[in-house]
Each structure stands twice: as C-alpha cells, then as structure tokens.
Amino acid sequence: MSEEEDIQQQLVQLRQEFRCSLVARIEQLVSGLDALFGASAAGGGMETLFRQIHTLAGSAGTFGLQRFSDQSRQLELILKPMLSSAELPDEKLIDFFRVELRKLVVLAEQAPADPDIHQESSGAVSPPSAERRLYLVVGSGSQEPGLGLQLGYSGFRVYQFSDIDAARVAAIRRPPKAVIIQMELPENPAAAASRIASVGRQFNAVAPLVFLASMGDWACRLAAVRAGGVAYLEKPIDIDELVDLLDRIIPREQREPNRVLVVDDAIELAQYYALVLRQAGMHSETLSDPSGIFEKLESFKPELVLMDLYLPGASGVEVAQVIRQHQAHFSTPIVFLSIEWDPEIQISTLQQGDDFLEKPVPEEHLVSAVDSRIKRARALWRLMYHDSLTGLLNHITLKLRLEVELARSRRLGKPLSFVMLDIDRLKQVNDSFGHTVGDRVLKSLARLLQQRLRKTDLIGRYGGEEFGIILPETDSENALGIMQLIGARFAAFQFQKEGSGFTCSFSAGIACSQFFPQESSLIEAADKALYQAKVRGRNRILIAQDCAVVK
C-alpha cells in the first residue's frame, strides 16, 4: 500500500468512527445539560457545554454531515449569549434543549455509514515531488565528461542518457525537473536552428530544456526559446553558472516540506486536518491540550500553527497571545480554524492571528491557505534573517539560534558541537579570477552544506569566507567525521573560469558544549581551533577541548 492510499484509508476510517460515535456524543451533551440544571450557578459548566456543541457542529460539517452540523449550530447560537452570564437557563429552555438534542439523535441514526462528503479528496491534493531530478543527454564525444558528477555534488539527482530518444521516453514516463541537452550543432546557423527545433518537438514541453552548445548566435538562441528552452549556455560550460541557473529553475524549497501544528481539542478533527496536510506533502502534528504548546513548538518547530478558536481552558486568541510573548515564536503564522460565523469575532481574531478559515473548509482551500502563508513567512524570514548571497543564516541570527540551542542542549543533557569554517585562500581566488567567481565558491559551499547536513543543523555565514555551523545532539568526534566527509566532497568540486579549472578546500575548528558550555567560550574555542588548522597547513579540521587543540 502506498503512502497516499494509507492516508486515504485513514481518512475514511476517521469519518466512519465519527459517524459511529455521534449518539454517544449527544448522550454526553444530555448528561452535561442535566448536571448544569442541577447546579446552583452556571460556572464553567455552561462554557463546557457550549464548547462541546461548537466542536460537534464543526466536526460534523467537516465530515460531511451538513444537516447535523446546521442543527448543532442553532443550539450553539442560543447558548453563546449565556456564556457571559452567571445565571442558569430556565427550565423551559432546558426542556427545549433536550428536545433539540433528541432531534440530533434521530439525525445521527439516519446518517449514512459512508457519507458523501463534499470535500472528499479526489487526488487533486497531492504532494509535490521533492527530488531535484535532472536528465542529462551527453551524446557521443561529449566535451563535458564530468558534468553529471559535478551536478551530483551540487545536490541534484542526475540521470544520464546517450541519446535524445531514450531521454524523451524516460521524460514522458517520469518527468524530471529539467532536461539538459549537450548538442553538437552544424556550422550553418539555419541548420543548427532547425536541429534545436527538432529536439524541442520531441520533448513537446514535457520538461524545461537547457541547451548546451558551442554556437551562441541569435538564430540558435531564438530557436531554443521557441523549442521550450529556459536557458542556452555556450561551451565550455561554467559549472557554477549552470548550477545557479538550475537553482532558479528548481527552487531548493521543494526539498523542505511545510511543517504545520494542528491545535484542536476535537482529536479526530485534528487528525483529519493533519492527514489532509500530509496528503499534500506537508509534515503535520496535532495537539489537543493548549498547555503543552511550548513543548510542541520546541520539539516540532512548526512553520505555521493551525488552531481552533475554542479550546479547553483558554481561547485560541489567548493561546496566540501567549505564543506571541516569546520572541522565538513572535513571527510564526497562526491561522484560526473555527465554525464561528460572527464577522466581528473573525476580524478581532486577526489581531493575534494571520488568517481565519471557517469550518467546514474544503481540503484544497485548506492546503492552499496554509501553503501560501508559509511561503510568505519563508520569504520574510529570508529577508530578515538570512545572508543575501548564500541564503544561510546571517551572523546575528546564527548567534541567537546558538543561544537557544545551547539552552535546549542543557535541558536534554545532550552535547552540541559548533563548527567554525573558513575557505582556504579565497582571497587568491578573488585576486586571480574576480569577486564574482569568489562569490560562486561561497555559494557552492553553502549549497553543499545544506545538502549534506541534517535539517536540524543550523548553518550561517559568520562573515567574509567564514561559516558557522550548529550541530545539535552531536559530540566533537561525530562532528569531526561529518565535516571531514563534507571537506572531501568540497575539495573534489571543479570550479571554472574562462576554461581554467581550479579547486578549493576549507579548514575548520570544532568545539563541543561538554567542554565549553557557554556561547562565548564555545565560539572562541572553535575559532582558536580554526586558527590552528590554518597555521598547520590548511585543508584540515581540528577539535578544541579543555582550551587546547587535541586533533
């Protein structure tokens, strides 16, 4: 069974379980109503009863029982004005509620076992492909024999073909993110343009085409555009330029699924929305008790909180206010999800939240709203907290995150390693080839670090050619092994400028929180170890321990 089929099966099971539990839920409401009538004052019983009916109305609508939801909603609207009063409803109103609840029992018994749900998933909400898959057509006598290997170093999954027909068949069966075609063109411009057009017809817009050719005249470039080409590069190929181009065509964000925390005391409803989001390729977790919000924010690190407006012990707006009091979560998007129809309440919630979705919300609408909010948050995050050249965390943000991660490390009783890394002789690269090439070296290392390190690791540009890396739950020995593998891969990368090839290496110092528990001492120790690595000949990684370099 595929993951998508498994999710569909879980969604069907949730709907069936909800339908089967309806009578028991209504009996619980009747018991709550009887207890409320026997009390001396309304107290918290009225609020509990209101929240239970509110949850029932929202869940029923989401699971396709619209008549049941509408009937429950009418009871909710009657109860709502009483929440602010300490007085109990009179006996006549209590009797009215009992009659209406019996009507709900009838509706529950008449509910179909497999309701025709208006937002039933039809496969339209599906996860995007995360693999950065490239098809490379090299042909015979290729002048770029190491191109596939170099692209692989940069984080792409490269499938190589020796002829156009094989690549075309593969692209139809399993479309890649782009097809790179190395072409040997005839010297006649018209004949060259005709050959490019022929290639375009064969692929017929199955995937974006990148042409690599020795001719760069107007006719060829125009033919490439008309053939579906998104780029046309002249040989010899500058690998860094090609990788930068592919990064624009295939955004790296596709590899990072959205992370969403669903907060709702209706457990089956929270599970339902979480499954819908997972079906769309997102990572999602649920929380029913708002008092555990900070533990969940720290452990799961969601990019968006999807929260019901009415929760046990606190309203969704109050929970949002508590979240906003903490600087680390001040900018985390919060989207309220509720059956609340009052436009004034919806508008007032936006003072603490970023959006309001009214239950029942169609699956496609939910996925679209969540995805668009996270995209905007990521864009803002990049502008505020990331280095403009490499896309890594900037100096200030890296130090702030190090402080947070050190505190977490102490709570968990697990080590954390900090790496200070410096590209060897980058000044010589700048002097020999220009700062544009030096910037490409920086970006290539940044790309490699993002590719090879875990998603929980934090990478920043510390300044100039220096990088800082935070490795949570990692001691110095494991950090050394990780960085040595990355160093070997970086040293194998071929940089080019006007036909001249060169390689680069880096040196690094590692310090562990077991020996340097404070932020300042940890950074200083890693920096000293880096300095010693430079003194001892560069292209090496040393560990700082007890204020002395031991490796």
Protein backbone atom coordinates (compact mmCIF):
# COMPACT_ATOMS: atom_id res chain seq x y z
CA MET A 1 0.00 0.00 0.00
CA SER A 2 1.35 3.41 -0.97
CA GLU A 3 1.55 6.29 1.50
CA GLU A 4 -1.24 8.12 -0.34
CA GLU A 5 -3.51 5.05 -0.19
CA ASP A 6 -2.74 4.66 3.50
CA ILE A 7 -3.72 8.29 4.17
CA GLN A 8 -6.95 7.84 2.20
CA GLN A 9 -7.77 4.75 4.25
CA GLN A 10 -7.14 6.63 7.50
CA LEU A 11 -9.40 9.49 6.34
CA VAL A 12 -12.23 7.07 5.57
CA GLN A 13 -11.77 5.38 8.94
CA LEU A 14 -11.94 8.74 10.77
CA ARG A 15 -15.23 9.58 9.04
CA GLN A 16 -16.74 6.23 9.92
CA GLU A 17 -15.58 6.42 13.55
CA PHE A 18 -17.05 9.90 13.89
CA ARG A 19 -20.41 8.77 12.50
CA CYS A 20 -20.48 5.79 14.87
CA SER A 21 -19.72 8.00 17.89
CA LEU A 22 -22.47 10.56 17.29
CA VAL A 23 -25.13 9.03 19.56
CA ALA A 24 -22.65 8.67 22.43
CA ARG A 25 -21.56 12.30 21.98
CA ILE A 26 -25.15 13.53 22.18
CA GLU A 27 -25.77 11.44 25.33
CA GLN A 28 -22.73 13.15 26.83
CA LEU A 29 -24.31 16.51 26.00
CA VAL A 30 -27.58 15.47 27.68
CA SER A 31 -25.66 14.46 30.79
CA GLY A 32 -23.89 17.80 30.78
CA LEU A 33 -27.20 19.58 30.41
CA ASP A 34 -28.74 17.67 33.34
CA ALA A 35 -25.72 18.43 35.51
CA LEU A 36 -25.95 22.09 34.60
CA PHE A 37 -29.63 22.23 35.53
CA GLY A 38 -28.91 20.67 38.90
CA ALA A 39 -26.15 23.18 39.74
CA SER A 40 -26.63 26.31 41.83
CA ALA A 41 -24.88 28.55 39.28
CA ALA A 42 -23.73 28.28 35.70
CA GLY A 43 -19.99 28.41 36.50
CA GLY A 44 -17.80 26.62 33.96
CA GLY A 45 -20.48 24.10 33.06
CA MET A 46 -22.09 26.41 30.52
CA GLU A 47 -18.75 27.06 28.83
CA THR A 48 -18.02 23.32 28.66
CA LEU A 49 -21.44 22.61 27.17
CA PHE A 50 -21.01 25.39 24.62
CA ARG A 51 -17.57 24.15 23.59
CA GLN A 52 -18.83 20.57 23.17
CA ILE A 53 -21.69 21.69 20.90
CA HIS A 54 -19.33 24.01 19.00
CA THR A 55 -16.92 21.12 18.42
CA LEU A 56 -19.74 18.83 17.36
CA ALA A 57 -21.03 21.37 14.81
CA GLY A 58 -17.58 21.92 13.32
CA SER A 59 -16.68 18.23 13.18
CA ALA A 60 -20.00 17.19 11.63
CA GLY A 61 -19.63 19.77 8.87
CA THR A 62 -16.07 18.71 8.16
CA PHE A 63 -17.05 15.04 7.97
CA GLY A 64 -19.89 15.77 5.54
CA LEU A 65 -22.94 15.68 7.84
CA GLN A 66 -24.17 19.14 6.96
CA ARG A 67 -27.76 18.83 8.31
CA PHE A 68 -26.38 17.60 11.62
CA SER A 69 -23.90 20.47 11.67
CA ASP A 70 -26.57 23.09 10.95
CA GLN A 71 -28.82 21.77 13.73
CA SER A 72 -25.94 21.79 16.22
CA ARG A 73 -25.05 25.28 15.11
CA GLN A 74 -28.51 26.57 16.05
CA LEU A 75 -28.04 25.27 19.60
CA GLU A 76 -24.61 26.88 19.74
CA LEU A 77 -26.05 30.27 18.75
CA ILE A 78 -28.67 30.03 21.51
CA LEU A 79 -26.07 29.14 24.15
CA LYS A 80 -23.48 31.72 23.18
CA PRO A 81 -25.13 34.83 24.72
CA MET A 82 -25.43 32.95 28.04
CA LEU A 83 -21.66 32.47 28.40
CA SER A 84 -21.19 35.93 29.91
CA SER A 85 -24.00 35.40 32.49
CA ALA A 86 -23.67 33.62 35.79
CA GLU A 87 -27.36 32.73 35.73
CA LEU A 88 -28.63 29.34 34.70
CA PRO A 89 -31.09 28.97 31.82
CA ASP A 90 -34.65 28.45 32.97
CA GLU A 91 -36.35 25.06 32.95
CA LYS A 92 -38.29 25.86 29.79
CA LEU A 93 -35.08 26.46 27.86
CA ILE A 94 -33.53 23.30 29.30
CA ASP A 95 -36.53 21.30 28.07
CA PHE A 96 -36.16 22.92 24.65
CA PHE A 97 -32.51 21.79 24.51
CA ARG A 98 -33.48 18.24 25.44
CA VAL A 99 -35.97 18.14 22.57
CA GLU A 100 -33.39 19.52 20.12
CA LEU A 101 -30.79 17.03 21.29
CA ARG A 102 -33.26 14.19 20.67
CA LYS A 103 -33.62 15.51 17.12
CA LEU A 104 -29.85 15.25 16.79
CA VAL A 105 -30.05 11.61 17.89
CA VAL A 106 -32.51 10.94 15.05
CA LEU A 107 -30.21 12.67 12.57
CA ALA A 108 -27.28 10.66 13.89
CA GLU A 109 -29.13 7.37 13.47
CA GLN A 110 -30.12 8.37 9.93
CA ALA A 111 -26.59 9.42 8.95
CA PRO A 112 -25.20 7.27 6.11
CA ALA A 113 -22.39 4.90 7.03
CA ASP A 114 -20.25 6.33 4.27
CA PRO A 115 -21.36 9.97 3.86
CA ASP A 116 -20.95 11.75 0.56
CA ILE A 117 -18.51 14.37 1.75
CA HIS A 118 -18.38 17.50 -0.35
CA GLN A 119 -14.63 17.90 0.11
CA GLU A 120 -13.74 14.23 -0.34
CA SER A 121 -10.22 14.02 -1.68
CA SER A 122 -10.10 13.16 -5.37
CA GLY A 123 -6.35 13.11 -5.71
CA ALA A 124 -6.19 16.81 -6.58
CA VAL A 125 -4.33 17.50 -3.34
CA SER A 126 -1.10 15.61 -3.78
CA PRO A 127 2.47 16.18 -2.60
CA PRO A 128 4.94 17.83 -4.95
CA SER A 129 7.94 15.81 -5.98
CA ALA A 130 10.83 16.64 -3.65
CA GLU A 131 13.58 15.03 -5.76
CA ARG A 132 15.64 17.50 -7.78
CA ARG A 133 15.71 15.13 -10.73
CA LEU A 134 17.67 16.08 -13.87
CA TYR A 135 18.01 14.25 -17.17
CA LEU A 136 21.36 14.86 -18.85
CA VAL A 137 21.77 13.99 -22.54
CA VAL A 138 25.51 13.86 -23.25
CA GLY A 139 25.63 12.27 -26.70
CA SER A 140 28.82 10.87 -28.17
CA GLY A 141 32.11 12.73 -27.93
CA SER A 142 30.92 14.93 -25.07
CA GLN A 143 33.26 17.74 -24.12
CA GLU A 144 31.91 17.78 -20.56
CA PRO A 145 32.53 14.22 -19.24
CA GLY A 146 32.37 15.24 -15.57
CA LEU A 147 29.24 17.36 -15.81
CA GLY A 148 26.90 14.78 -14.28
CA LEU A 149 29.28 14.19 -11.37
CA GLN A 150 29.62 17.92 -10.66
CA LEU A 151 25.85 18.39 -10.75
CA GLY A 152 25.51 15.48 -8.34
CA TYR A 153 27.89 17.24 -5.94
CA SER A 154 25.54 20.23 -6.02
CA GLY A 155 22.54 18.26 -4.76
CA PHE A 156 20.83 17.17 -7.99
CA ARG A 157 19.81 13.62 -8.84
CA VAL A 158 21.26 13.18 -12.33
CA TYR A 159 20.13 10.51 -14.81
CA GLN A 160 22.42 10.38 -17.84
CA PHE A 161 21.40 9.38 -21.38
CA SER A 162 23.46 8.88 -24.50
CA ASP A 163 20.71 9.82 -26.99
CA ILE A 164 17.66 12.03 -27.27
CA ASP A 165 15.13 9.23 -27.83
CA ALA A 166 15.96 7.44 -24.56
CA ALA A 167 15.72 10.69 -22.60
CA ARG A 168 12.41 11.58 -24.26
CA VAL A 169 10.83 8.21 -23.39
CA ALA A 170 12.05 8.50 -19.79
CA ALA A 171 10.75 12.09 -19.51
CA ILE A 172 7.28 11.02 -20.65
CA ARG A 173 7.14 8.18 -18.14
CA ARG A 174 8.69 10.13 -15.24
CA PRO A 175 9.02 13.88 -15.89
CA PRO A 176 12.19 15.45 -14.47
CA LYS A 177 12.61 18.98 -13.16
CA ALA A 178 14.69 19.83 -16.24
CA VAL A 179 16.43 18.20 -19.22
CA ILE A 180 19.98 19.30 -20.05
CA ILE A 181 20.95 18.62 -23.65
CA GLN A 182 24.54 18.88 -24.90
CA MET A 183 24.33 19.48 -28.64
CA GLU A 184 26.83 19.25 -31.44
CA LEU A 185 25.42 21.72 -33.96
CA PRO A 186 26.28 22.15 -37.66
CA GLU A 187 28.13 25.36 -38.52
CA ASN A 188 25.29 26.60 -40.71
CA PRO A 189 23.05 28.75 -38.42
CA ALA A 190 19.84 27.77 -40.21
CA ALA A 191 20.64 24.05 -39.96
CA ALA A 192 21.63 24.48 -36.29
CA ALA A 193 18.35 26.24 -35.50
CA SER A 194 16.43 23.51 -37.30
CA ARG A 195 18.11 20.81 -35.19
CA ILE A 196 17.28 22.65 -31.97
CA ALA A 197 13.65 22.98 -33.10
CA SER A 198 13.54 19.26 -33.80
CA VAL A 199 14.70 18.46 -30.26
CA GLY A 200 12.01 20.73 -28.86
CA ARG A 201 9.30 18.93 -30.84
CA GLN A 202 10.48 15.59 -29.49
CA PHE A 203 10.10 16.66 -25.86
CA ASN A 204 6.91 18.67 -26.53
CA ALA A 205 7.09 20.69 -23.28
CA VAL A 206 7.37 17.59 -21.06
CA ALA A 207 10.01 19.42 -19.00
CA PRO A 208 12.07 22.64 -19.14
CA LEU A 209 15.00 22.29 -21.56
CA VAL A 210 18.53 23.61 -21.00
CA PHE A 211 20.67 23.66 -24.16
CA LEU A 212 24.47 23.43 -24.05
CA ALA A 213 26.11 24.18 -27.41
CA SER A 214 29.24 25.63 -28.96
CA MET A 215 27.33 28.20 -31.04
CA GLY A 216 25.73 31.24 -29.46
CA ASP A 217 24.29 33.22 -32.37
CA TRP A 218 20.86 34.82 -32.43
CA ALA A 219 19.19 32.16 -34.60
CA CYS A 220 20.18 29.34 -32.22
CA ARG A 221 19.10 31.20 -29.10
CA LEU A 222 15.76 32.14 -30.64
CA ALA A 223 15.20 28.56 -31.77
CA ALA A 224 15.98 27.34 -28.23
CA VAL A 225 13.36 29.68 -26.75
CA ARG A 226 10.76 28.52 -29.27
CA ALA A 227 11.69 24.90 -28.54
CA GLY A 228 10.85 25.30 -24.84
CA GLY A 229 14.35 26.14 -23.68
CA VAL A 230 14.68 28.02 -20.40
CA ALA A 231 18.42 28.52 -20.90
CA TYR A 232 21.09 28.35 -23.59
CA LEU A 233 24.72 28.14 -22.45
CA GLU A 234 27.80 28.16 -24.65
CA LYS A 235 30.62 25.64 -24.25
CA PRO A 236 32.91 25.34 -22.39
CA ILE A 237 30.33 25.20 -19.65
CA ASP A 238 30.81 27.14 -16.43
CA ILE A 239 29.56 24.63 -13.86
CA ASP A 240 28.84 27.31 -11.25
CA GLU A 241 26.77 29.33 -13.70
CA LEU A 242 24.82 26.22 -14.68
CA VAL A 243 24.14 25.30 -11.04
CA ASP A 244 22.98 28.84 -10.25
CA LEU A 245 20.65 28.64 -13.24
CA LEU A 246 19.24 25.27 -12.14
CA ASP A 247 18.71 26.58 -8.61
CA ARG A 248 16.47 29.27 -10.09
CA ILE A 249 14.57 26.74 -12.21
CA ILE A 250 14.26 24.20 -9.39
CA PRO A 251 13.89 26.10 -6.10
CA ARG A 252 15.55 24.32 -3.19
CA GLU A 253 12.45 24.95 -1.05
CA GLN A 254 10.82 21.99 -2.79
CA ARG A 255 13.02 19.79 -0.65
CA GLU A 256 11.69 21.29 2.59
CA PRO A 257 8.11 20.17 3.31
CA ASN A 258 5.91 22.62 5.21
CA ARG A 259 5.66 21.95 8.95
CA VAL A 260 2.20 22.54 10.45
CA LEU A 261 0.97 22.11 14.03
CA VAL A 262 -2.79 21.48 14.31
CA VAL A 263 -4.21 22.55 17.70
CA ASP A 264 -7.77 21.31 18.32
CA ASP A 265 -9.35 19.54 21.29
CA ALA A 266 -11.53 17.56 18.86
CA ILE A 267 -8.92 14.85 18.39
CA GLU A 268 -10.48 13.19 15.35
CA LEU A 269 -10.85 16.57 13.64
CA ALA A 270 -7.21 17.47 14.35
CA GLN A 271 -6.15 14.10 12.93
CA TYR A 272 -8.32 14.70 9.86
CA TYR A 273 -6.72 18.05 9.03
CA ALA A 274 -3.26 16.67 9.78
CA LEU A 275 -3.86 13.81 7.32
CA VAL A 276 -5.12 16.22 4.65
CA LEU A 277 -1.92 18.26 5.02
CA ARG A 278 0.27 15.14 4.93
CA GLN A 279 -1.53 14.06 1.78
CA ALA A 280 -0.35 17.35 0.25
CA GLY A 281 3.26 16.59 1.17
CA MET A 282 3.45 18.55 4.43
CA HIS A 283 4.70 17.43 7.82
CA SER A 284 1.96 17.82 10.42
CA GLU A 285 1.45 17.01 14.10
CA THR A 286 -1.51 17.51 16.43
CA LEU A 287 -2.04 18.92 19.92
CA SER A 288 -5.30 18.75 21.93
CA ASP A 289 -4.22 20.47 25.17
CA PRO A 290 -3.01 24.07 24.65
CA SER A 291 -0.96 23.96 27.87
CA GLY A 292 1.59 21.81 26.01
CA ILE A 293 2.06 24.33 23.20
CA PHE A 294 5.63 25.35 24.02
CA GLU A 295 6.95 21.81 24.30
CA LYS A 296 5.42 21.12 20.89
CA LEU A 297 6.79 24.33 19.37
CA GLU A 298 10.28 23.43 20.57
CA SER A 299 10.25 19.75 19.59
CA PHE A 300 8.41 20.01 16.26
CA LYS A 301 9.38 23.57 15.22
CA PRO A 302 6.28 24.23 13.09
CA GLU A 303 6.27 26.93 10.43
CA LEU A 304 2.55 27.53 10.98
CA VAL A 305 0.04 26.87 13.77
CA LEU A 306 -3.49 25.89 12.64
CA MET A 307 -5.66 26.42 15.70
CA ASP A 308 -9.30 26.12 16.71
CA LEU A 309 -10.85 29.25 18.22
CA TYR A 310 -12.39 27.46 21.22
CA LEU A 311 -10.07 25.27 23.31
CA PRO A 312 -10.27 23.78 26.83
CA GLY A 313 -9.04 26.22 29.47
CA ALA A 314 -8.27 29.04 27.04
CA SER A 315 -9.47 30.54 23.79
CA GLY A 316 -7.43 30.25 20.62
CA VAL A 317 -6.84 34.02 20.75
CA GLU A 318 -5.43 33.73 24.30
CA VAL A 319 -3.14 30.88 23.24
CA ALA A 320 -1.94 33.01 20.32
CA GLN A 321 -1.20 35.90 22.71
CA VAL A 322 0.89 33.62 24.90
CA ILE A 323 2.79 32.38 21.84
CA ARG A 324 3.45 35.95 20.69
CA GLN A 325 5.02 36.81 24.06
CA HIS A 326 8.02 34.67 23.17
CA GLN A 327 10.46 36.24 20.73
CA ALA A 328 11.38 32.92 19.12
CA HIS A 329 7.75 32.42 18.02
CA PHE A 330 6.66 36.02 17.53
CA SER A 331 6.57 35.74 13.73
CA THR A 332 5.21 32.17 13.46
CA PRO A 333 1.99 32.39 11.37
CA ILE A 334 -1.18 31.45 13.25
CA VAL A 335 -4.31 30.52 11.28
CA PHE A 336 -7.58 30.14 13.19
CA LEU A 337 -9.97 27.41 12.11
CA SER A 338 -13.49 27.55 13.51
CA ILE A 339 -17.19 27.33 12.73
CA GLU A 340 -17.56 30.86 14.16
CA TRP A 341 -19.70 32.88 11.74
CA ASP A 342 -19.70 36.25 13.52
CA PRO A 343 -17.68 38.59 11.23
CA GLU A 344 -16.77 40.87 14.14
CA ILE A 345 -15.22 37.96 16.04
CA GLN A 346 -13.43 36.78 12.90
CA ILE A 347 -11.94 40.24 12.38
CA SER A 348 -10.94 40.63 16.04
CA THR A 349 -9.07 37.31 15.97
CA LEU A 350 -6.85 38.63 13.17
CA GLN A 351 -5.24 41.00 15.67
CA GLN A 352 -3.40 37.95 17.02
CA GLY A 353 -3.61 35.63 14.02
CA ASP A 354 -2.78 35.78 10.34
CA ASP A 355 -5.89 34.27 8.80
CA PHE A 356 -9.32 32.84 9.64
CA LEU A 357 -10.75 29.76 7.93
CA GLU A 358 -14.39 28.91 8.50
CA LYS A 359 -15.31 25.26 9.10
CA PRO A 360 -16.01 23.18 7.14
CA VAL A 361 -13.14 24.15 4.88
CA PRO A 362 -12.56 22.26 1.58
CA GLU A 363 -9.30 20.33 1.52
CA GLU A 364 -7.92 22.28 -1.45
CA HIS A 365 -8.70 25.58 0.28
CA LEU A 366 -7.02 24.45 3.50
CA VAL A 367 -3.88 23.28 1.71
CA SER A 368 -3.70 26.45 -0.41
CA ALA A 369 -4.18 28.79 2.57
CA VAL A 370 -1.56 27.02 4.68
CA ASP A 371 0.94 26.78 1.83
CA SER A 372 0.63 30.45 0.84
CA ARG A 373 1.08 31.63 4.43
CA ILE A 374 4.20 29.52 4.89
CA LYS A 375 5.65 30.73 1.59
CA ARG A 376 5.21 34.35 2.67
CA ALA A 377 6.70 33.60 6.08
CA ARG A 378 9.70 31.91 4.48
CA ALA A 379 10.25 34.85 2.14
CA LEU A 380 10.12 37.30 5.05
CA TRP A 381 12.39 35.07 7.11
CA ARG A 382 14.97 35.01 4.31
CA LEU A 383 14.95 38.79 4.02
CA MET A 384 15.29 39.41 7.75
CA TYR A 385 17.47 36.60 9.00
CA HIS A 386 19.47 35.26 6.06
CA ASP A 387 22.62 36.27 4.23
CA SER A 388 21.70 37.71 0.84
CA LEU A 389 24.50 35.93 -1.08
CA THR A 390 24.39 32.39 0.29
CA GLY A 391 20.86 32.20 1.69
CA LEU A 392 22.27 30.93 5.01
CA LEU A 393 21.53 32.46 8.41
CA ASN A 394 23.25 35.79 8.93
CA HIS A 395 25.75 36.45 11.71
CA ILE A 396 23.29 37.84 14.27
CA THR A 397 20.65 35.17 13.68
CA LEU A 398 23.20 32.37 13.95
CA LYS A 399 24.36 33.60 17.37
CA LEU A 400 20.77 33.93 18.58
CA ARG A 401 19.97 30.39 17.45
CA LEU A 402 23.16 29.12 19.11
CA GLU A 403 21.96 30.57 22.42
CA VAL A 404 18.59 28.83 22.02
CA GLU A 405 20.14 25.50 21.01
CA LEU A 406 22.61 25.59 23.90
CA ALA A 407 19.74 26.05 26.35
CA ARG A 408 17.93 23.13 24.74
CA SER A 409 21.11 21.04 24.89
CA ARG A 410 21.41 21.67 28.63
CA ARG A 411 17.78 20.70 29.25
CA LEU A 412 18.12 17.46 27.30
CA GLY A 413 21.55 16.67 28.72
CA LYS A 414 22.94 16.09 25.22
CA PRO A 415 26.08 17.54 23.59
CA LEU A 416 26.11 20.23 20.93
CA SER A 417 29.01 20.98 18.61
CA PHE A 418 29.81 24.30 17.00
CA VAL A 419 31.97 24.43 13.86
CA MET A 420 33.84 27.50 12.64
CA LEU A 421 34.78 27.01 8.99
CA ASP A 422 36.90 29.12 6.65
CA ILE A 423 37.56 28.67 2.90
CA ASP A 424 41.28 28.38 2.27
CA ARG A 425 42.93 31.11 0.18
CA LEU A 426 39.68 32.63 -1.07
CA LYS A 427 41.50 35.96 -1.39
CA GLN A 428 43.73 34.41 -4.04
CA VAL A 429 40.66 33.25 -5.94
CA ASN A 430 39.24 36.78 -5.82
CA ASP A 431 42.55 38.29 -6.94
CA SER A 432 43.04 35.78 -9.78
CA PHE A 433 39.51 35.37 -11.11
CA GLY A 434 37.48 38.23 -9.63
CA HIS A 435 34.99 38.53 -6.79
CA THR A 436 32.17 37.10 -8.92
CA VAL A 437 33.98 33.77 -9.03
CA GLY A 438 34.77 34.03 -5.32
CA ASP A 439 31.07 34.52 -4.64
CA ARG A 440 30.32 31.36 -6.62
CA VAL A 441 32.75 29.44 -4.42
CA LEU A 442 30.96 30.72 -1.32
CA LYS A 443 27.57 29.80 -2.76
CA SER A 444 28.79 26.35 -3.78
CA LEU A 445 30.00 25.58 -0.25
CA ALA A 446 26.75 26.91 1.21
CA ARG A 447 24.80 24.67 -1.16
CA LEU A 448 26.93 21.64 -0.24
CA LEU A 449 26.48 22.24 3.50
CA GLN A 450 22.70 22.50 3.07
CA GLN A 451 22.70 19.30 1.07
CA ARG A 452 24.89 17.21 3.37
CA LEU A 453 23.84 18.34 6.84
CA ARG A 454 20.64 17.43 8.68
CA LYS A 455 17.58 19.66 8.61
CA THR A 456 18.01 20.15 12.36
CA ASP A 457 21.53 21.53 11.88
CA LEU A 458 21.88 25.30 11.56
CA ILE A 459 24.27 26.92 9.10
CA GLY A 460 25.23 30.58 8.93
CA ARG A 461 27.64 32.87 7.16
CA TYR A 462 29.69 34.18 10.05
CA GLY A 463 31.46 36.80 7.96
CA GLY A 464 33.54 37.01 4.77
CA GLU A 465 34.61 33.49 3.91
CA GLU A 466 33.76 32.13 7.37
CA PHE A 467 30.80 29.89 8.13
CA GLY A 468 29.36 28.84 11.48
CA ILE A 469 27.56 25.51 11.92
CA ILE A 470 25.46 24.35 14.89
CA LEU A 471 25.19 20.56 15.23
CA PRO A 472 22.64 19.68 17.95
CA GLU A 473 22.93 16.36 19.78
CA THR A 474 26.39 15.80 18.27
CA ASP A 475 29.67 15.35 20.11
CA SER A 476 33.00 16.53 18.74
CA GLU A 477 34.08 13.14 17.36
CA ASN A 478 30.92 12.72 15.31
CA ALA A 479 31.14 16.34 14.20
CA LEU A 480 34.68 15.68 13.01
CA GLY A 481 33.57 12.72 10.87
CA ILE A 482 30.72 14.72 9.34
CA MET A 483 32.90 17.69 8.45
CA GLN A 484 35.68 15.51 7.02
CA LEU A 485 33.23 13.93 4.56
CA ILE A 486 31.96 17.35 3.53
CA GLY A 487 35.54 18.64 3.20
CA ALA A 488 36.47 15.79 0.86
CA ARG A 489 33.41 16.43 -1.30
CA PHE A 490 34.09 20.18 -1.47
CA ALA A 491 37.76 19.61 -2.42
CA ALA A 492 36.61 17.41 -5.34
CA PHE A 493 34.44 20.14 -6.83
CA GLN A 494 35.85 21.70 -10.01
CA PHE A 495 35.40 25.46 -10.36
CA GLN A 496 35.92 27.05 -13.76
CA LYS A 497 36.62 30.47 -15.18
CA GLU A 498 37.17 31.06 -18.89
CA GLY A 499 38.31 27.49 -19.44
CA SER A 500 40.62 27.40 -16.41
CA GLY A 501 39.74 24.93 -13.70
CA PHE A 502 40.65 25.09 -10.02
CA THR A 503 39.65 23.53 -6.72
CA CYS A 504 39.21 24.89 -3.20
CA SER A 505 39.38 23.47 0.30
CA PHE A 506 38.37 24.63 3.74
CA SER A 507 39.73 24.49 7.28
CA ALA A 508 37.57 24.16 10.36
CA GLY A 509 37.62 24.16 14.15
CA ILE A 510 35.15 22.22 16.30
CA ALA A 511 34.15 22.93 19.89
CA CYS A 512 31.69 20.91 21.99
CA SER A 513 29.33 22.14 24.71
CA GLN A 514 30.55 19.34 27.02
CA PHE A 515 33.76 21.33 27.48
CA PHE A 516 32.60 24.84 26.55
CA PRO A 517 29.06 25.25 27.93
CA GLN A 518 28.73 29.00 27.35
CA GLU A 519 28.06 30.60 23.98
CA SER A 520 31.07 32.93 24.09
CA SER A 521 33.54 30.24 25.17
CA LEU A 522 32.18 27.78 22.60
CA ILE A 523 32.63 30.24 19.72
CA GLU A 524 36.06 31.30 20.96
CA ALA A 525 37.25 27.69 21.25
CA ALA A 526 36.06 26.82 17.73
CA ASP A 527 37.72 29.95 16.39
CA LYS A 528 41.05 29.09 18.07
CA ALA A 529 40.89 25.55 16.67
CA LEU A 530 40.25 27.02 13.20
CA TYR A 531 43.26 29.30 13.59
CA GLN A 532 45.44 26.31 14.48
CA ALA A 533 44.14 24.42 11.44
CA LYS A 534 45.26 27.35 9.27
CA VAL A 535 48.67 27.51 10.97
CA ARG A 536 49.22 23.77 10.46
CA GLY A 537 48.83 24.00 6.71
CA ARG A 538 45.09 24.46 5.98
CA ASN A 539 42.72 21.87 4.49
CA ARG A 540 42.25 20.24 7.88
CA ILE A 541 39.75 20.08 10.75
CA LEU A 542 40.75 20.26 14.43
CA ILE A 543 38.89 19.75 17.69
CA ALA A 544 39.21 22.13 20.63
CA GLN A 545 38.96 20.55 24.07
CA ASP A 546 39.87 21.86 27.51
CA CYS A 547 41.19 25.03 25.83
CA ALA A 548 43.69 23.02 23.79
CA VAL A 549 43.57 21.65 20.27
CA VAL A 550 43.69 17.85 20.52
CA LYS A 551 43.37 16.78 16.86
